[in-house]
Amino acid sequence: SYLVPLLGEGFDVIWAPMQAVMMGAMFDKQMPSAKWIGLAEELLPMTDILPSATLSWLRCNSTYLQDAVTTLKPNSRISEVKEEKREERKQR
């Protein structure tokens, strides 16, 4: 939509309310301001590069992501338990 001058900006005016409704449906309970951020991001010129829906998803799910990273770390408690079980097997 950016190949033709002003077509992209015109499309953004149509797309902005639709994105606000969708972001409200996805994030309204955890982050009520997400729909307004998405609306402003689409209406303001030169801000289309910002992934507002992705950033909102990351903010809402950051605790789950932190838990997953902690689980995957080599120094996590899960890896310690696995190592203890290996040592117990070796002793048998």
C-alpha atoms as a PDB file:
ATOM      1  CA  SER A   1       0.000   0.000   0.000  1.00  0.00           C
ATOM      2  CA  TYR A   2       3.052   2.287   0.141  1.00  0.00           C
ATOM      3  CA  LEU A   3       3.913   2.016  -3.550  1.00  0.00           C
ATOM      4  CA  VAL A   4       1.291   4.614  -4.467  1.00  0.00           C
ATOM      5  CA  PRO A   5       1.777   7.920  -2.600  1.00  0.00           C
ATOM      6  CA  LEU A   6      -0.830   8.617   0.118  1.00  0.00           C
ATOM      7  CA  LEU A   7      -2.512   5.240  -0.415  1.00  0.00           C
ATOM      8  CA  GLY A   8      -0.810   3.762   2.648  1.00  0.00           C
ATOM      9  CA  GLU A   9      -1.890   6.610   4.893  1.00  0.00           C
ATOM     10  CA  GLY A  10      -5.452   6.368   3.572  1.00  0.00           C
ATOM     11  CA  PHE A  11      -5.507   2.651   4.244  1.00  0.00           C
ATOM     12  CA  ASP A  12      -4.221   3.284   7.781  1.00  0.00           C
ATOM     13  CA  VAL A  13      -7.216   5.523   8.513  1.00  0.00           C
ATOM     14  CA  ILE A  14      -9.502   2.621   7.593  1.00  0.00           C
ATOM     15  CA  TRP A  15      -7.367  -0.025   9.329  1.00  0.00           C
ATOM     16  CA  ALA A  16      -6.842   1.843  12.633  1.00  0.00           C
ATOM     17  CA  PRO A  17     -10.343   1.323  14.100  1.00  0.00           C
ATOM     18  CA  MET A  18     -10.353  -2.334  13.032  1.00  0.00           C
ATOM     19  CA  GLN A  19      -7.012  -2.910  14.737  1.00  0.00           C
ATOM     20  CA  ALA A  20      -8.239  -1.143  17.882  1.00  0.00           C
ATOM     21  CA  VAL A  21     -11.271  -3.448  18.054  1.00  0.00           C
ATOM     22  CA  MET A  22      -9.118  -6.557  17.566  1.00  0.00           C
ATOM     23  CA  MET A  23      -6.534  -5.455  20.123  1.00  0.00           C
ATOM     24  CA  GLY A  24      -9.319  -4.645  22.558  1.00  0.00           C
ATOM     25  CA  ALA A  25     -10.707  -8.142  22.107  1.00  0.00           C
ATOM     26  CA  MET A  26      -7.305  -9.720  22.713  1.00  0.00           C
ATOM     27  CA  PHE A  27      -5.822  -7.576  25.478  1.00  0.00           C
ATOM     28  CA  ASP A  28      -8.629  -5.601  27.166  1.00  0.00           C
ATOM     29  CA  LYS A  29      -8.559  -7.583  30.431  1.00  0.00           C
ATOM     30  CA  GLN A  30      -4.790  -7.499  30.954  1.00  0.00           C
ATOM     31  CA  MET A  31      -3.934  -4.215  29.224  1.00  0.00           C
ATOM     32  CA  PRO A  32      -6.923  -1.919  28.532  1.00  0.00           C
ATOM     33  CA  SER A  33      -4.719   0.785  27.001  1.00  0.00           C
ATOM     34  CA  ALA A  34      -3.502  -1.536  24.205  1.00  0.00           C
ATOM     35  CA  LYS A  35      -6.379  -0.674  21.889  1.00  0.00           C
ATOM     36  CA  TRP A  36      -5.682   3.046  22.223  1.00  0.00           C
ATOM     37  CA  ILE A  37      -1.965   2.543  21.666  1.00  0.00           C
ATOM     38  CA  GLY A  38      -2.712   0.516  18.524  1.00  0.00           C
ATOM     39  CA  LEU A  39      -5.165   3.125  17.281  1.00  0.00           C
ATOM     40  CA  ALA A  40      -2.669   5.958  17.782  1.00  0.00           C
ATOM     41  CA  GLU A  41       0.124   3.917  16.199  1.00  0.00           C
ATOM     42  CA  GLU A  42      -1.925   3.373  13.053  1.00  0.00           C
ATOM     43  CA  LEU A  43      -3.194   6.947  12.803  1.00  0.00           C
ATOM     44  CA  LEU A  44       0.127   8.702  13.377  1.00  0.00           C
ATOM     45  CA  PRO A  45       2.343   8.943  10.305  1.00  0.00           C
ATOM     46  CA  MET A  46       5.640   7.003  10.153  1.00  0.00           C
ATOM     47  CA  THR A  47       4.787   4.761  13.115  1.00  0.00           C
ATOM     48  CA  ASP A  48       3.803   1.645  11.164  1.00  0.00           C
ATOM     49  CA  ILE A  49       7.177   0.111  11.941  1.00  0.00           C
ATOM     50  CA  LEU A  50       6.155  -0.349  15.600  1.00  0.00           C
ATOM     51  CA  PRO A  51       4.671  -3.821  16.209  1.00  0.00           C
ATOM     52  CA  SER A  52       2.083  -2.689  18.763  1.00  0.00           C
ATOM     53  CA  ALA A  53       0.153  -5.985  18.855  1.00  0.00           C
ATOM     54  CA  THR A  54       3.348  -7.998  19.294  1.00  0.00           C
ATOM     55  CA  LEU A  55       4.616  -5.705  22.038  1.00  0.00           C
ATOM     56  CA  SER A  56       1.252  -5.907  23.807  1.00  0.00           C
ATOM     57  CA  TRP A  57       1.328  -9.702  23.608  1.00  0.00           C
ATOM     58  CA  LEU A  58       4.858  -9.778  25.033  1.00  0.00           C
ATOM     59  CA  ARG A  59       3.856  -7.495  27.902  1.00  0.00           C
ATOM     60  CA  CYS A  60       0.794  -9.577  28.761  1.00  0.00           C
ATOM     61  CA  ASN A  61       2.683 -12.879  28.567  1.00  0.00           C
ATOM     62  CA  SER A  62       6.022 -11.834  30.032  1.00  0.00           C
ATOM     63  CA  THR A  63       5.587 -13.870  33.223  1.00  0.00           C
ATOM     64  CA  TYR A  64       4.998 -17.041  31.206  1.00  0.00           C
ATOM     65  CA  LEU A  65       8.038 -16.278  29.071  1.00  0.00           C
ATOM     66  CA  GLN A  66      10.173 -15.689  32.164  1.00  0.00           C
ATOM     67  CA  ASP A  67       9.052 -19.032  33.587  1.00  0.00           C
ATOM     68  CA  ALA A  68       9.924 -20.757  30.315  1.00  0.00           C
ATOM     69  CA  VAL A  69      13.368 -19.163  30.204  1.00  0.00           C
ATOM     70  CA  THR A  70      14.006 -20.086  33.833  1.00  0.00           C
ATOM     71  CA  THR A  71      13.023 -23.674  33.055  1.00  0.00           C
ATOM     72  CA  LEU A  72      15.422 -23.836  30.119  1.00  0.00           C
ATOM     73  CA  LYS A  73      18.406 -22.333  31.945  1.00  0.00           C
ATOM     74  CA  PRO A  74      21.189 -24.807  32.711  1.00  0.00           C
ATOM     75  CA  ASN A  75      21.318 -23.621  36.333  1.00  0.00           C
ATOM     76  CA  SER A  76      17.608 -24.068  36.947  1.00  0.00           C
ATOM     77  CA  ARG A  77      16.197 -26.383  39.573  1.00  0.00           C
ATOM     78  CA  ILE A  78      14.915 -28.811  36.924  1.00  0.00           C
ATOM     79  CA  SER A  79      18.401 -29.442  35.597  1.00  0.00           C
ATOM     80  CA  GLU A  80      19.615 -29.948  39.183  1.00  0.00           C
ATOM     81  CA  VAL A  81      16.935 -32.576  39.782  1.00  0.00           C
ATOM     82  CA  LYS A  82      17.862 -34.352  36.544  1.00  0.00           C
ATOM     83  CA  GLU A  83      21.515 -34.358  37.562  1.00  0.00           C
ATOM     84  CA  GLU A  84      20.632 -35.768  41.002  1.00  0.00           C
ATOM     85  CA  LYS A  85      18.647 -38.579  39.374  1.00  0.00           C
ATOM     86  CA  ARG A  86      21.600 -39.396  37.098  1.00  0.00           C
ATOM     87  CA  GLU A  87      23.908 -39.587  40.088  1.00  0.00           C
ATOM     88  CA  GLU A  88      21.454 -41.861  41.932  1.00  0.00           C
ATOM     89  CA  ARG A  89      21.364 -44.204  38.935  1.00  0.00           C
ATOM     90  CA  LYS A  90      25.158 -44.320  38.806  1.00  0.00           C
ATOM     91  CA  GLN A  91      25.318 -45.275  42.468  1.00  0.00           C
ATOM     92  CA  ARG A  92      22.982 -48.240  42.005  1.00  0.00           C
END
